[in-house]
Amino acid sequence: MGERRTQTTAGTELTDGDGERLLDRLVDDLADNRARGPAPRGPITAVGLCVDERHPSLPGRVRVQVESGGHVTQAWIPSLAHLVVRTGDRVLVQGVENWPEPIVTGVLDGYAPVEAPAAREAATLSLRADECVTIRDDRDRPLLEIRCGAQGPELRLAQPDVALEVPGKLTMRAGAIKLESTIGDVEIDAVGDVRVRGELIELN
């Protein structure tokens, strides 16, 4: 496939090249800026803009646009493992001596308001009214069941005796909370104090 070139609004040339050509362009522009003539490839660092976070077939590569020496160059280049890069992020691009293409090594902060990243759906399962999701143990006994009830989602623990344990603090938060015991008593045990706060507390 040949190179695709278009003109940007600033009149600079946009080259649809690979990572190796991007590194060559950065090296040449750095040499021109320093008036040295052609320079051998070596370590180089630049700041680019992520314009696409999802490669169509190679996970871990992002499309980065770099402006240098009056040129605007775009390329799909690899990023460090476990580095989260989103479209619109300013990224640090580095080239090393023993690798043929540059690498995205970091994401710059301080250029946009900090927002909590939105959760993305990794998988989706649709349930009909008469269907449920069941988790079973190694003896094929049901442990957990999720279904669509008449009043909304229902989460049912299948075993008669269940222990809920967390190593730290457990917080339950909702618009309203109702604890109901249909057969036995309700017991509250604590090593420390037990505090009940509310505008009005009714006991029987």
C-alpha atoms as a PDB file:
ATOM      1  CA  MET A   1       0.000   0.000   0.000  1.00  0.00           C
ATOM      2  CA  GLY A   2       1.258   3.473  -0.775  1.00  0.00           C
ATOM      3  CA  GLU A   3       1.558   6.394   1.559  1.00  0.00           C
ATOM      4  CA  ARG A   4      -1.516   8.565   1.979  1.00  0.00           C
ATOM      5  CA  ARG A   5      -0.791  12.281   2.216  1.00  0.00           C
ATOM      6  CA  THR A   6      -3.291  15.013   2.970  1.00  0.00           C
ATOM      7  CA  GLN A   7      -3.027  18.682   3.854  1.00  0.00           C
ATOM      8  CA  THR A   8      -3.905  19.841   7.356  1.00  0.00           C
ATOM      9  CA  THR A   9      -5.622  23.117   8.109  1.00  0.00           C
ATOM     10  CA  ALA A  10      -2.247  24.619   8.998  1.00  0.00           C
ATOM     11  CA  GLY A  11      -0.876  23.733   5.554  1.00  0.00           C
ATOM     12  CA  THR A  12       1.506  21.087   6.851  1.00  0.00           C
ATOM     13  CA  GLU A  13       1.730  17.644   5.337  1.00  0.00           C
ATOM     14  CA  LEU A  14       0.035  14.719   7.066  1.00  0.00           C
ATOM     15  CA  THR A  15       1.772  11.443   6.341  1.00  0.00           C
ATOM     16  CA  ASP A  16       0.021   8.120   6.929  1.00  0.00           C
ATOM     17  CA  GLY A  17       3.179   6.127   7.647  1.00  0.00           C
ATOM     18  CA  ASP A  18       4.363   3.443   9.996  1.00  0.00           C
ATOM     19  CA  GLY A  19       6.265   3.822  13.249  1.00  0.00           C
ATOM     20  CA  GLU A  20       9.679   3.472  11.641  1.00  0.00           C
ATOM     21  CA  ARG A  21       9.047   6.374   9.250  1.00  0.00           C
ATOM     22  CA  LEU A  22       7.760   8.428  12.168  1.00  0.00           C
ATOM     23  CA  LEU A  23      11.024   7.862  14.028  1.00  0.00           C
ATOM     24  CA  ASP A  24      13.050   8.757  10.916  1.00  0.00           C
ATOM     25  CA  ARG A  25      11.073  11.994  10.536  1.00  0.00           C
ATOM     26  CA  LEU A  26      11.660  12.933  14.176  1.00  0.00           C
ATOM     27  CA  VAL A  27      15.387  12.265  13.876  1.00  0.00           C
ATOM     28  CA  ASP A  28      15.672  14.290  10.665  1.00  0.00           C
ATOM     29  CA  ASP A  29      13.683  17.198  12.099  1.00  0.00           C
ATOM     30  CA  LEU A  30      15.823  17.201  15.228  1.00  0.00           C
ATOM     31  CA  ALA A  31      18.944  17.307  13.087  1.00  0.00           C
ATOM     32  CA  ASP A  32      17.539  20.177  10.989  1.00  0.00           C
ATOM     33  CA  ASN A  33      16.645  22.141  14.110  1.00  0.00           C
ATOM     34  CA  ARG A  34      20.203  21.780  15.356  1.00  0.00           C
ATOM     35  CA  ALA A  35      21.681  22.576  11.924  1.00  0.00           C
ATOM     36  CA  ARG A  36      23.815  19.457  11.939  1.00  0.00           C
ATOM     37  CA  GLY A  37      22.694  17.796   8.751  1.00  0.00           C
ATOM     38  CA  PRO A  38      21.548  14.153   8.755  1.00  0.00           C
ATOM     39  CA  ALA A  39      21.945  12.543  12.160  1.00  0.00           C
ATOM     40  CA  PRO A  40      22.238   8.845  12.995  1.00  0.00           C
ATOM     41  CA  ARG A  41      19.215   7.249  14.590  1.00  0.00           C
ATOM     42  CA  GLY A  42      19.410   7.203  18.376  1.00  0.00           C
ATOM     43  CA  PRO A  43      17.413   7.904  21.494  1.00  0.00           C
ATOM     44  CA  ILE A  44      14.822  10.613  20.928  1.00  0.00           C
ATOM     45  CA  THR A  45      11.826  11.909  22.872  1.00  0.00           C
ATOM     46  CA  ALA A  46       8.781  13.790  21.604  1.00  0.00           C
ATOM     47  CA  VAL A  47       5.266  14.678  22.722  1.00  0.00           C
ATOM     48  CA  GLY A  48       2.405  13.506  20.521  1.00  0.00           C
ATOM     49  CA  LEU A  49      -1.371  13.376  20.486  1.00  0.00           C
ATOM     50  CA  CYS A  50      -3.322  10.118  20.503  1.00  0.00           C
ATOM     51  CA  VAL A  51      -5.884  10.349  17.687  1.00  0.00           C
ATOM     52  CA  ASP A  52      -7.127   6.741  17.835  1.00  0.00           C
ATOM     53  CA  GLU A  53      -6.835   4.362  20.777  1.00  0.00           C
ATOM     54  CA  ARG A  54      -7.918   1.149  19.019  1.00  0.00           C
ATOM     55  CA  HIS A  55      -5.885  -0.532  16.299  1.00  0.00           C
ATOM     56  CA  PRO A  56      -8.148  -2.619  14.024  1.00  0.00           C
ATOM     57  CA  SER A  57      -6.086  -5.788  14.503  1.00  0.00           C
ATOM     58  CA  LEU A  58      -3.126  -5.210  16.865  1.00  0.00           C
ATOM     59  CA  PRO A  59      -4.034  -4.616  20.532  1.00  0.00           C
ATOM     60  CA  GLY A  60      -1.591  -2.392  22.372  1.00  0.00           C
ATOM     61  CA  ARG A  61      -0.953  -0.022  19.456  1.00  0.00           C
ATOM     62  CA  VAL A  62      -2.357   3.492  19.345  1.00  0.00           C
ATOM     63  CA  ARG A  63      -2.366   6.035  16.530  1.00  0.00           C
ATOM     64  CA  VAL A  64      -0.246   9.025  17.482  1.00  0.00           C
ATOM     65  CA  GLN A  65       0.124  12.372  15.728  1.00  0.00           C
ATOM     66  CA  VAL A  66       3.431  14.179  16.183  1.00  0.00           C
ATOM     67  CA  GLU A  67       4.230  17.719  15.030  1.00  0.00           C
ATOM     68  CA  SER A  68       7.913  18.383  14.438  1.00  0.00           C
ATOM     69  CA  GLY A  69       9.848  20.649  12.106  1.00  0.00           C
ATOM     70  CA  GLY A  70       6.707  21.931  10.415  1.00  0.00           C
ATOM     71  CA  HIS A  71       5.495  18.407   9.622  1.00  0.00           C
ATOM     72  CA  VAL A  72       2.516  16.528  11.034  1.00  0.00           C
ATOM     73  CA  THR A  73       3.034  12.769  11.063  1.00  0.00           C
ATOM     74  CA  GLN A  74       0.689   9.988  12.176  1.00  0.00           C
ATOM     75  CA  ALA A  75       1.552   6.352  12.863  1.00  0.00           C
ATOM     76  CA  TRP A  76       0.344   3.279  14.725  1.00  0.00           C
ATOM     77  CA  ILE A  77       2.972   2.653  17.389  1.00  0.00           C
ATOM     78  CA  PRO A  78       3.123   0.294  20.387  1.00  0.00           C
ATOM     79  CA  SER A  79       2.590   1.416  23.967  1.00  0.00           C
ATOM     80  CA  LEU A  80       3.932   0.029  27.215  1.00  0.00           C
ATOM     81  CA  ALA A  81       1.993  -2.882  28.702  1.00  0.00           C
ATOM     82  CA  HIS A  82      -0.833  -1.900  31.093  1.00  0.00           C
ATOM     83  CA  LEU A  83      -0.600   1.770  29.996  1.00  0.00           C
ATOM     84  CA  VAL A  84      -4.094   3.213  29.495  1.00  0.00           C
ATOM     85  CA  VAL A  85      -4.122   5.625  26.537  1.00  0.00           C
ATOM     86  CA  ARG A  86      -7.320   7.334  25.412  1.00  0.00           C
ATOM     87  CA  THR A  87      -8.083   9.324  22.288  1.00  0.00           C
ATOM     88  CA  GLY A  88      -7.166  12.964  22.935  1.00  0.00           C
ATOM     89  CA  ASP A  89      -4.387  12.204  25.436  1.00  0.00           C
ATOM     90  CA  ARG A  90      -1.002  13.880  25.071  1.00  0.00           C
ATOM     91  CA  VAL A  91       1.553  11.079  25.155  1.00  0.00           C
ATOM     92  CA  LEU A  92       5.312  10.774  25.534  1.00  0.00           C
ATOM     93  CA  VAL A  93       6.896   9.085  22.508  1.00  0.00           C
ATOM     94  CA  GLN A  94      10.416   7.694  22.819  1.00  0.00           C
ATOM     95  CA  GLY A  95      12.754   6.055  20.338  1.00  0.00           C
ATOM     96  CA  VAL A  96      15.581   3.793  21.484  1.00  0.00           C
ATOM     97  CA  GLU A  97      18.751   2.674  19.714  1.00  0.00           C
ATOM     98  CA  ASN A  98      18.001  -1.045  19.485  1.00  0.00           C
ATOM     99  CA  TRP A  99      14.340  -0.891  18.454  1.00  0.00           C
ATOM    100  CA  PRO A 100      13.085  -0.025  14.946  1.00  0.00           C
ATOM    101  CA  GLU A 101      10.082   2.098  15.939  1.00  0.00           C
ATOM    102  CA  PRO A 102       9.138   4.555  18.690  1.00  0.00           C
ATOM    103  CA  ILE A 103       7.188   3.548  21.790  1.00  0.00           C
ATOM    104  CA  VAL A 104       4.484   5.358  23.770  1.00  0.00           C
ATOM    105  CA  THR A 105       5.907   5.362  27.294  1.00  0.00           C
ATOM    106  CA  GLY A 106       3.539   7.648  29.190  1.00  0.00           C
ATOM    107  CA  VAL A 107       0.514   9.937  29.260  1.00  0.00           C
ATOM    108  CA  LEU A 108       0.985  13.612  30.138  1.00  0.00           C
ATOM    109  CA  ASP A 109      -1.310  15.154  32.738  1.00  0.00           C
ATOM    110  CA  GLY A 110      -2.327  18.744  33.447  1.00  0.00           C
ATOM    111  CA  TYR A 111      -3.873  19.668  30.079  1.00  0.00           C
ATOM    112  CA  ALA A 112      -7.520  18.873  30.755  1.00  0.00           C
ATOM    113  CA  PRO A 113      -9.895  18.721  33.730  1.00  0.00           C
ATOM    114  CA  VAL A 114      -9.497  15.479  35.639  1.00  0.00           C
ATOM    115  CA  GLU A 115     -12.512  13.255  35.121  1.00  0.00           C
ATOM    116  CA  ALA A 116     -13.159   9.803  36.487  1.00  0.00           C
ATOM    117  CA  PRO A 117     -12.802   7.306  33.642  1.00  0.00           C
ATOM    118  CA  ALA A 118     -16.136   5.900  32.556  1.00  0.00           C
ATOM    119  CA  ALA A 119     -16.533   2.166  32.989  1.00  0.00           C
ATOM    120  CA  ARG A 120     -16.568   0.309  29.705  1.00  0.00           C
ATOM    121  CA  GLU A 121     -18.589  -2.809  29.099  1.00  0.00           C
ATOM    122  CA  ALA A 122     -16.215  -5.737  28.714  1.00  0.00           C
ATOM    123  CA  ALA A 123     -19.034  -8.228  28.165  1.00  0.00           C
ATOM    124  CA  THR A 124     -22.819  -8.114  27.956  1.00  0.00           C
ATOM    125  CA  LEU A 125     -25.377 -10.855  28.614  1.00  0.00           C
ATOM    126  CA  SER A 126     -29.069 -10.338  27.922  1.00  0.00           C
ATOM    127  CA  LEU A 127     -31.669 -12.250  29.952  1.00  0.00           C
ATOM    128  CA  ARG A 128     -35.310 -12.851  29.157  1.00  0.00           C
ATOM    129  CA  ALA A 129     -37.993 -12.787  31.838  1.00  0.00           C
ATOM    130  CA  ASP A 130     -37.831 -16.569  32.356  1.00  0.00           C
ATOM    131  CA  GLU A 131     -34.015 -16.847  32.302  1.00  0.00           C
ATOM    132  CA  CYS A 132     -31.346 -16.519  34.982  1.00  0.00           C
ATOM    133  CA  VAL A 133     -27.573 -16.696  35.431  1.00  0.00           C
ATOM    134  CA  THR A 134     -26.415 -19.381  37.864  1.00  0.00           C
ATOM    135  CA  ILE A 135     -22.971 -19.914  39.392  1.00  0.00           C
ATOM    136  CA  ARG A 136     -22.300 -23.456  40.671  1.00  0.00           C
ATOM    137  CA  ASP A 137     -19.566 -25.064  42.749  1.00  0.00           C
ATOM    138  CA  ASP A 138     -17.413 -28.046  41.794  1.00  0.00           C
ATOM    139  CA  ARG A 139     -20.203 -30.401  42.919  1.00  0.00           C
ATOM    140  CA  ASP A 140     -22.700 -28.709  40.606  1.00  0.00           C
ATOM    141  CA  ARG A 141     -24.565 -27.135  43.524  1.00  0.00           C
ATOM    142  CA  PRO A 142     -26.011 -23.654  42.844  1.00  0.00           C
ATOM    143  CA  LEU A 143     -24.265 -20.836  44.702  1.00  0.00           C
ATOM    144  CA  LEU A 144     -25.537 -17.615  43.165  1.00  0.00           C
ATOM    145  CA  GLU A 145     -28.471 -16.776  40.934  1.00  0.00           C
ATOM    146  CA  ILE A 146     -29.219 -13.540  39.083  1.00  0.00           C
ATOM    147  CA  ARG A 147     -32.590 -13.000  37.439  1.00  0.00           C
ATOM    148  CA  CYS A 148     -35.035 -10.292  36.360  1.00  0.00           C
ATOM    149  CA  GLY A 149     -37.779 -10.084  38.980  1.00  0.00           C
ATOM    150  CA  ALA A 150     -41.140  -8.380  38.817  1.00  0.00           C
ATOM    151  CA  GLN A 151     -39.785  -5.315  40.652  1.00  0.00           C
ATOM    152  CA  GLY A 152     -36.284  -5.291  39.180  1.00  0.00           C
ATOM    153  CA  PRO A 153     -33.066  -7.301  39.324  1.00  0.00           C
ATOM    154  CA  GLU A 154     -32.861 -10.053  41.930  1.00  0.00           C
ATOM    155  CA  LEU A 155     -29.668 -11.502  43.404  1.00  0.00           C
ATOM    156  CA  ARG A 156     -30.269 -14.801  45.207  1.00  0.00           C
ATOM    157  CA  LEU A 157     -27.730 -16.752  47.259  1.00  0.00           C
ATOM    158  CA  ALA A 158     -28.763 -20.358  46.782  1.00  0.00           C
ATOM    159  CA  GLN A 159     -27.307 -21.997  49.900  1.00  0.00           C
ATOM    160  CA  PRO A 160     -29.207 -21.831  53.225  1.00  0.00           C
ATOM    161  CA  ASP A 161     -26.236 -20.570  55.257  1.00  0.00           C
ATOM    162  CA  VAL A 162     -24.091 -17.797  53.776  1.00  0.00           C
ATOM    163  CA  ALA A 163     -21.147 -15.843  55.209  1.00  0.00           C
ATOM    164  CA  LEU A 164     -20.229 -12.431  53.818  1.00  0.00           C
ATOM    165  CA  GLU A 165     -16.706 -11.428  54.821  1.00  0.00           C
ATOM    166  CA  VAL A 166     -14.484  -8.527  53.796  1.00  0.00           C
ATOM    167  CA  PRO A 167     -11.014  -7.699  55.173  1.00  0.00           C
ATOM    168  CA  GLY A 168     -11.801  -4.002  55.595  1.00  0.00           C
ATOM    169  CA  LYS A 169     -14.855  -1.768  55.934  1.00  0.00           C
ATOM    170  CA  LEU A 170     -18.202  -2.790  54.415  1.00  0.00           C
ATOM    171  CA  THR A 171     -20.524   0.035  53.338  1.00  0.00           C
ATOM    172  CA  MET A 172     -24.068  -0.457  52.046  1.00  0.00           C
ATOM    173  CA  ARG A 173     -25.578   2.626  50.416  1.00  0.00           C
ATOM    174  CA  ALA A 174     -28.979   3.023  48.776  1.00  0.00           C
ATOM    175  CA  GLY A 175     -31.954   5.358  48.635  1.00  0.00           C
ATOM    176  CA  ALA A 176     -33.645   3.196  51.261  1.00  0.00           C
ATOM    177  CA  ILE A 177     -32.559   0.007  53.038  1.00  0.00           C
ATOM    178  CA  LYS A 178     -34.831  -2.667  54.504  1.00  0.00           C
ATOM    179  CA  LEU A 179     -33.601  -5.631  56.544  1.00  0.00           C
ATOM    180  CA  GLU A 180     -36.251  -8.315  56.965  1.00  0.00           C
ATOM    181  CA  SER A 181     -36.074 -11.619  58.838  1.00  0.00           C
ATOM    182  CA  THR A 182     -38.923 -13.947  57.829  1.00  0.00           C
ATOM    183  CA  ILE A 183     -38.293 -16.699  60.416  1.00  0.00           C
ATOM    184  CA  GLY A 184     -35.682 -16.010  63.084  1.00  0.00           C
ATOM    185  CA  ASP A 185     -34.269 -13.158  65.127  1.00  0.00           C
ATOM    186  CA  VAL A 186     -31.983 -10.319  64.056  1.00  0.00           C
ATOM    187  CA  GLU A 187     -28.723 -10.118  65.974  1.00  0.00           C
ATOM    188  CA  ILE A 188     -26.072  -7.395  65.889  1.00  0.00           C
ATOM    189  CA  ASP A 189     -22.726  -8.142  67.530  1.00  0.00           C
ATOM    190  CA  ALA A 190     -19.796  -5.749  67.711  1.00  0.00           C
ATOM    191  CA  VAL A 191     -16.458  -5.638  69.512  1.00  0.00           C
ATOM    192  CA  GLY A 192     -16.821  -1.863  69.839  1.00  0.00           C
ATOM    193  CA  ASP A 193     -19.808   0.443  70.260  1.00  0.00           C
ATOM    194  CA  VAL A 194     -23.045   0.161  68.267  1.00  0.00           C
ATOM    195  CA  ARG A 195     -24.485   3.502  67.132  1.00  0.00           C
ATOM    196  CA  VAL A 196     -27.881   4.117  65.538  1.00  0.00           C
ATOM    197  CA  ARG A 197     -28.517   7.597  64.126  1.00  0.00           C
ATOM    198  CA  GLY A 198     -31.643   9.007  62.538  1.00  0.00           C
ATOM    199  CA  GLU A 199     -34.204  11.803  62.736  1.00  0.00           C
ATOM    200  CA  LEU A 200     -36.687   9.420  64.378  1.00  0.00           C
ATOM    201  CA  ILE A 201     -35.944   5.985  65.851  1.00  0.00           C
ATOM    202  CA  GLU A 202     -38.942   3.722  66.498  1.00  0.00           C
ATOM    203  CA  LEU A 203     -38.762   0.556  68.616  1.00  0.00           C
ATOM    204  CA  ASN A 204     -41.911  -1.552  68.276  1.00  0.00           C
END
